[in-house]
Amino acid sequence: MGLSRDTTQFACDSLLWYWNRIGKQCYPDASSILMLCDGGGSNSASKYIFKNDLQAVVDSIGIEIQVAHYPSYCSKYNLIERRFFCHVSRVCTGMLFDTLETAVNLMRQATTSTGLKTTVNVIKRIYETGRNATDQIKDDIRETVHFADILPKWNDTLTPQTGQ
């Protein structure tokens, strides 16, 4: 959960927090991460600034990330929409988020009988909006990101860059 804006940096900071606190403990032998993203918003398939920020995460964790974006208007097929968010909505329905603590505590209550538990992390960083990729960033991304042969607009892979 963020206190600022839904930006590419926020999305990447969230992923980095998850990987460092949960992911690498659950998947210590992982050599790759598959990220399923909506086609728009902060992690848009067409945003070079997102790919640039994500490259910094890849370089930091040393593991490649494969990104598969849902095409526009297809995020309803993302399983998290149906299998997770409905439980968060259920515990928050009719509640007033009068404090950050209230919101966090409510979201942490989202559980299921099959073992789903919600982890809530509050990122307090203030993010700058309106960041755009420079021509240099675009050139760098074209050099470092591997766009898939099939549906390259929606699928790409970022690998750790040495000498950064």
C-alpha atoms as a PDB file:
ATOM      1  CA  MET A   1       0.000   0.000   0.000  1.00  0.00           C
ATOM      2  CA  GLY A   2       1.328   3.407  -0.850  1.00  0.00           C
ATOM      3  CA  LEU A   3       0.699   6.823   0.609  1.00  0.00           C
ATOM      4  CA  SER A   4       1.651   8.707  -2.524  1.00  0.00           C
ATOM      5  CA  ARG A   5       0.896   7.899  -6.163  1.00  0.00           C
ATOM      6  CA  ASP A   6       0.639   4.785  -8.323  1.00  0.00           C
ATOM      7  CA  THR A   7       3.835   5.298 -10.316  1.00  0.00           C
ATOM      8  CA  THR A   8       6.323   3.023 -12.041  1.00  0.00           C
ATOM      9  CA  GLN A   9       8.706   3.538  -9.121  1.00  0.00           C
ATOM     10  CA  PHE A  10       5.984   2.528  -6.650  1.00  0.00           C
ATOM     11  CA  ALA A  11       5.260  -0.652  -8.629  1.00  0.00           C
ATOM     12  CA  CYS A  12       8.966  -1.515  -8.722  1.00  0.00           C
ATOM     13  CA  ASP A  13       9.524  -0.667  -5.042  1.00  0.00           C
ATOM     14  CA  SER A  14       6.595  -2.965  -4.191  1.00  0.00           C
ATOM     15  CA  LEU A  15       8.116  -5.809  -6.200  1.00  0.00           C
ATOM     16  CA  LEU A  16      11.538  -5.260  -4.632  1.00  0.00           C
ATOM     17  CA  TRP A  17      10.017  -5.261  -1.131  1.00  0.00           C
ATOM     18  CA  TYR A  18       8.130  -8.495  -1.901  1.00  0.00           C
ATOM     19  CA  TRP A  19      11.193 -10.235  -3.330  1.00  0.00           C
ATOM     20  CA  ASN A  20      13.528  -9.251  -0.482  1.00  0.00           C
ATOM     21  CA  ARG A  21      11.039 -10.039   2.317  1.00  0.00           C
ATOM     22  CA  ILE A  22       9.079 -12.995   0.948  1.00  0.00           C
ATOM     23  CA  GLY A  23       9.983 -14.161  -2.556  1.00  0.00           C
ATOM     24  CA  LYS A  24      13.614 -15.140  -2.120  1.00  0.00           C
ATOM     25  CA  GLN A  25      12.805 -17.050   1.082  1.00  0.00           C
ATOM     26  CA  CYS A  26       9.966 -18.970  -0.583  1.00  0.00           C
ATOM     27  CA  TYR A  27      11.856 -19.509  -3.852  1.00  0.00           C
ATOM     28  CA  PRO A  28      15.580 -19.583  -2.966  1.00  0.00           C
ATOM     29  CA  ASP A  29      16.546 -21.399  -6.181  1.00  0.00           C
ATOM     30  CA  ALA A  30      14.594 -19.122  -8.516  1.00  0.00           C
ATOM     31  CA  SER A  31      16.448 -18.099 -11.632  1.00  0.00           C
ATOM     32  CA  SER A  32      13.584 -16.122 -13.136  1.00  0.00           C
ATOM     33  CA  ILE A  33      10.430 -14.288 -12.080  1.00  0.00           C
ATOM     34  CA  LEU A  34       7.280 -14.145 -14.210  1.00  0.00           C
ATOM     35  CA  MET A  35       5.332 -10.927 -13.698  1.00  0.00           C
ATOM     36  CA  LEU A  36       1.776 -10.669 -14.989  1.00  0.00           C
ATOM     37  CA  CYS A  37       0.798  -7.013 -15.367  1.00  0.00           C
ATOM     38  CA  ASP A  38      -2.146  -5.009 -16.599  1.00  0.00           C
ATOM     39  CA  GLY A  39      -1.500  -3.409 -19.951  1.00  0.00           C
ATOM     40  CA  GLY A  40      -1.997   0.127 -18.655  1.00  0.00           C
ATOM     41  CA  GLY A  41      -1.457   2.161 -15.533  1.00  0.00           C
ATOM     42  CA  SER A  42       1.863   2.439 -13.746  1.00  0.00           C
ATOM     43  CA  ASN A  43       3.192  -0.799 -15.218  1.00  0.00           C
ATOM     44  CA  SER A  44       2.018  -0.184 -18.760  1.00  0.00           C
ATOM     45  CA  ALA A  45       3.460  -2.315 -21.531  1.00  0.00           C
ATOM     46  CA  SER A  46       4.275   0.806 -23.535  1.00  0.00           C
ATOM     47  CA  LYS A  47       6.041   2.788 -20.797  1.00  0.00           C
ATOM     48  CA  TYR A  48       9.784   2.838 -21.232  1.00  0.00           C
ATOM     49  CA  ILE A  49      10.126   4.451 -17.819  1.00  0.00           C
ATOM     50  CA  PHE A  50       8.543   1.331 -16.257  1.00  0.00           C
ATOM     51  CA  LYS A  51      10.986  -0.915 -18.075  1.00  0.00           C
ATOM     52  CA  ASN A  52      13.844   1.345 -16.941  1.00  0.00           C
ATOM     53  CA  ASP A  53      12.722   1.242 -13.293  1.00  0.00           C
ATOM     54  CA  LEU A  54      12.182  -2.517 -13.528  1.00  0.00           C
ATOM     55  CA  GLN A  55      15.681  -2.946 -14.960  1.00  0.00           C
ATOM     56  CA  ALA A  56      17.017  -1.376 -11.752  1.00  0.00           C
ATOM     57  CA  VAL A  57      15.120  -4.030  -9.751  1.00  0.00           C
ATOM     58  CA  VAL A  58      16.499  -6.805 -11.973  1.00  0.00           C
ATOM     59  CA  ASP A  59      20.036  -5.480 -11.520  1.00  0.00           C
ATOM     60  CA  SER A  60      19.492  -5.254  -7.757  1.00  0.00           C
ATOM     61  CA  ILE A  61      18.196  -8.807  -7.260  1.00  0.00           C
ATOM     62  CA  GLY A  62      20.300 -10.428  -9.976  1.00  0.00           C
ATOM     63  CA  ILE A  63      17.442 -12.471 -11.447  1.00  0.00           C
ATOM     64  CA  GLU A  64      15.772 -12.054 -14.823  1.00  0.00           C
ATOM     65  CA  ILE A  65      12.158 -10.941 -14.901  1.00  0.00           C
ATOM     66  CA  GLN A  66       9.803 -12.007 -17.667  1.00  0.00           C
ATOM     67  CA  VAL A  67       6.936  -9.565 -18.034  1.00  0.00           C
ATOM     68  CA  ALA A  68       3.654 -10.579 -19.633  1.00  0.00           C
ATOM     69  CA  HIS A  69       1.138  -7.759 -19.935  1.00  0.00           C
ATOM     70  CA  TYR A  70      -2.576  -8.333 -20.269  1.00  0.00           C
ATOM     71  CA  PRO A  71      -3.807  -6.486 -23.361  1.00  0.00           C
ATOM     72  CA  SER A  72      -6.030  -3.456 -22.855  1.00  0.00           C
ATOM     73  CA  TYR A  73      -9.393  -4.272 -21.278  1.00  0.00           C
ATOM     74  CA  CYS A  74      -8.324  -7.844 -20.443  1.00  0.00           C
ATOM     75  CA  SER A  75      -7.205  -7.424 -16.830  1.00  0.00           C
ATOM     76  CA  LYS A  76     -10.416  -9.182 -15.798  1.00  0.00           C
ATOM     77  CA  TYR A  77      -8.619 -12.386 -16.807  1.00  0.00           C
ATOM     78  CA  ASN A  78      -5.907 -11.759 -14.211  1.00  0.00           C
ATOM     79  CA  LEU A  79      -6.549 -14.371 -11.513  1.00  0.00           C
ATOM     80  CA  ILE A  80      -5.692 -11.979  -8.692  1.00  0.00           C
ATOM     81  CA  GLU A  81      -8.724  -9.890  -9.643  1.00  0.00           C
ATOM     82  CA  ARG A  82     -11.097 -12.775  -8.894  1.00  0.00           C
ATOM     83  CA  ARG A  83      -9.187 -14.841  -6.333  1.00  0.00           C
ATOM     84  CA  PHE A  84      -7.719 -12.206  -4.053  1.00  0.00           C
ATOM     85  CA  PHE A  85      -9.204  -8.731  -4.340  1.00  0.00           C
ATOM     86  CA  CYS A  86     -12.716 -10.009  -3.649  1.00  0.00           C
ATOM     87  CA  HIS A  87     -11.587 -11.070  -0.155  1.00  0.00           C
ATOM     88  CA  VAL A  88     -10.008  -7.692   0.550  1.00  0.00           C
ATOM     89  CA  SER A  89     -13.190  -5.990  -0.669  1.00  0.00           C
ATOM     90  CA  ARG A  90     -15.275  -8.253   1.571  1.00  0.00           C
ATOM     91  CA  VAL A  91     -13.507  -7.229   4.791  1.00  0.00           C
ATOM     92  CA  CYS A  92     -13.463  -3.549   3.800  1.00  0.00           C
ATOM     93  CA  THR A  93     -17.087  -3.252   2.682  1.00  0.00           C
ATOM     94  CA  GLY A  94     -18.934  -0.567   4.592  1.00  0.00           C
ATOM     95  CA  MET A  95     -15.889   0.395   6.636  1.00  0.00           C
ATOM     96  CA  LEU A  96     -14.551   3.919   6.992  1.00  0.00           C
ATOM     97  CA  PHE A  97     -10.804   4.228   6.441  1.00  0.00           C
ATOM     98  CA  ASP A  98     -10.361   6.980   9.013  1.00  0.00           C
ATOM     99  CA  THR A  99      -6.704   6.176   9.662  1.00  0.00           C
ATOM    100  CA  LEU A 100      -3.917   4.331   7.912  1.00  0.00           C
ATOM    101  CA  GLU A 101      -3.870   1.838  10.778  1.00  0.00           C
ATOM    102  CA  THR A 102      -7.565   1.066  10.229  1.00  0.00           C
ATOM    103  CA  ALA A 103      -7.031   0.401   6.516  1.00  0.00           C
ATOM    104  CA  VAL A 104      -3.988  -1.807   7.135  1.00  0.00           C
ATOM    105  CA  ASN A 105      -5.691  -3.802   9.896  1.00  0.00           C
ATOM    106  CA  LEU A 106      -8.791  -4.382   7.778  1.00  0.00           C
ATOM    107  CA  MET A 107      -6.789  -5.552   4.779  1.00  0.00           C
ATOM    108  CA  ARG A 108      -4.747  -7.911   6.960  1.00  0.00           C
ATOM    109  CA  GLN A 109      -8.013  -9.608   7.979  1.00  0.00           C
ATOM    110  CA  ALA A 110      -8.588 -10.856   4.426  1.00  0.00           C
ATOM    111  CA  THR A 111      -8.168 -14.623   4.751  1.00  0.00           C
ATOM    112  CA  THR A 112      -9.826 -17.737   3.375  1.00  0.00           C
ATOM    113  CA  SER A 113     -10.497 -21.209   4.716  1.00  0.00           C
ATOM    114  CA  THR A 114      -7.986 -22.567   2.185  1.00  0.00           C
ATOM    115  CA  GLY A 115      -5.116 -20.638   3.756  1.00  0.00           C
ATOM    116  CA  LEU A 116      -4.926 -17.320   1.935  1.00  0.00           C
ATOM    117  CA  LYS A 117      -3.363 -14.664   4.148  1.00  0.00           C
ATOM    118  CA  THR A 118      -2.860 -11.030   3.295  1.00  0.00           C
ATOM    119  CA  THR A 119       0.457  -9.289   3.833  1.00  0.00           C
ATOM    120  CA  VAL A 120       0.269  -5.509   3.920  1.00  0.00           C
ATOM    121  CA  ASN A 121       3.316  -3.298   3.611  1.00  0.00           C
ATOM    122  CA  VAL A 122       3.036   0.473   3.703  1.00  0.00           C
ATOM    123  CA  ILE A 123       5.472   2.289   1.441  1.00  0.00           C
ATOM    124  CA  LYS A 124       5.801   5.826   2.747  1.00  0.00           C
ATOM    125  CA  ARG A 125       7.992   7.183  -0.035  1.00  0.00           C
ATOM    126  CA  ILE A 126       6.589  10.149  -1.945  1.00  0.00           C
ATOM    127  CA  TYR A 127       6.731   9.502  -5.686  1.00  0.00           C
ATOM    128  CA  GLU A 128       7.138  12.060  -8.432  1.00  0.00           C
ATOM    129  CA  THR A 129       4.482  11.885 -11.124  1.00  0.00           C
ATOM    130  CA  GLY A 130       4.882  12.787 -14.764  1.00  0.00           C
ATOM    131  CA  ARG A 131       8.285  11.173 -15.229  1.00  0.00           C
ATOM    132  CA  ASN A 132       9.035  10.440 -18.867  1.00  0.00           C
ATOM    133  CA  ALA A 133      11.714   8.366 -20.505  1.00  0.00           C
ATOM    134  CA  THR A 134      14.463  10.342 -22.174  1.00  0.00           C
ATOM    135  CA  ASP A 135      15.727   9.344 -25.604  1.00  0.00           C
ATOM    136  CA  GLN A 136      18.781   7.845 -23.870  1.00  0.00           C
ATOM    137  CA  ILE A 137      16.575   5.674 -21.615  1.00  0.00           C
ATOM    138  CA  LYS A 138      14.599   4.496 -24.654  1.00  0.00           C
ATOM    139  CA  ASP A 139      17.801   3.614 -26.495  1.00  0.00           C
ATOM    140  CA  ASP A 140      19.135   1.750 -23.441  1.00  0.00           C
ATOM    141  CA  ILE A 141      15.886  -0.211 -23.081  1.00  0.00           C
ATOM    142  CA  ARG A 142      15.927  -1.192 -26.748  1.00  0.00           C
ATOM    143  CA  GLU A 143      19.456  -2.539 -26.188  1.00  0.00           C
ATOM    144  CA  THR A 144      18.856  -4.431 -22.931  1.00  0.00           C
ATOM    145  CA  VAL A 145      15.247  -5.652 -23.004  1.00  0.00           C
ATOM    146  CA  HIS A 146      14.478  -8.762 -25.036  1.00  0.00           C
ATOM    147  CA  PHE A 147      11.065  -8.392 -26.645  1.00  0.00           C
ATOM    148  CA  ALA A 148       9.422 -11.773 -27.271  1.00  0.00           C
ATOM    149  CA  ASP A 149       9.012 -13.152 -30.774  1.00  0.00           C
ATOM    150  CA  ILE A 150       5.334 -13.774 -30.076  1.00  0.00           C
ATOM    151  CA  LEU A 151       3.359 -10.667 -29.105  1.00  0.00           C
ATOM    152  CA  PRO A 152       6.423  -8.495 -28.444  1.00  0.00           C
ATOM    153  CA  LYS A 153       4.213  -5.530 -27.538  1.00  0.00           C
ATOM    154  CA  TRP A 154       2.969  -7.447 -24.495  1.00  0.00           C
ATOM    155  CA  ASN A 155       5.882  -9.732 -23.541  1.00  0.00           C
ATOM    156  CA  ASP A 156       9.470  -8.926 -22.693  1.00  0.00           C
ATOM    157  CA  THR A 157      12.361 -10.176 -20.564  1.00  0.00           C
ATOM    158  CA  LEU A 158      14.818  -8.097 -18.563  1.00  0.00           C
ATOM    159  CA  THR A 159      18.124  -9.656 -17.538  1.00  0.00           C
ATOM    160  CA  PRO A 160      20.687  -8.405 -15.028  1.00  0.00           C
ATOM    161  CA  GLN A 161      23.217  -6.089 -16.628  1.00  0.00           C
ATOM    162  CA  THR A 162      26.813  -6.417 -15.491  1.00  0.00           C
ATOM    163  CA  GLY A 163      29.016  -3.416 -14.933  1.00  0.00           C
ATOM    164  CA  GLN A 164      26.166  -1.157 -13.846  1.00  0.00           C
END
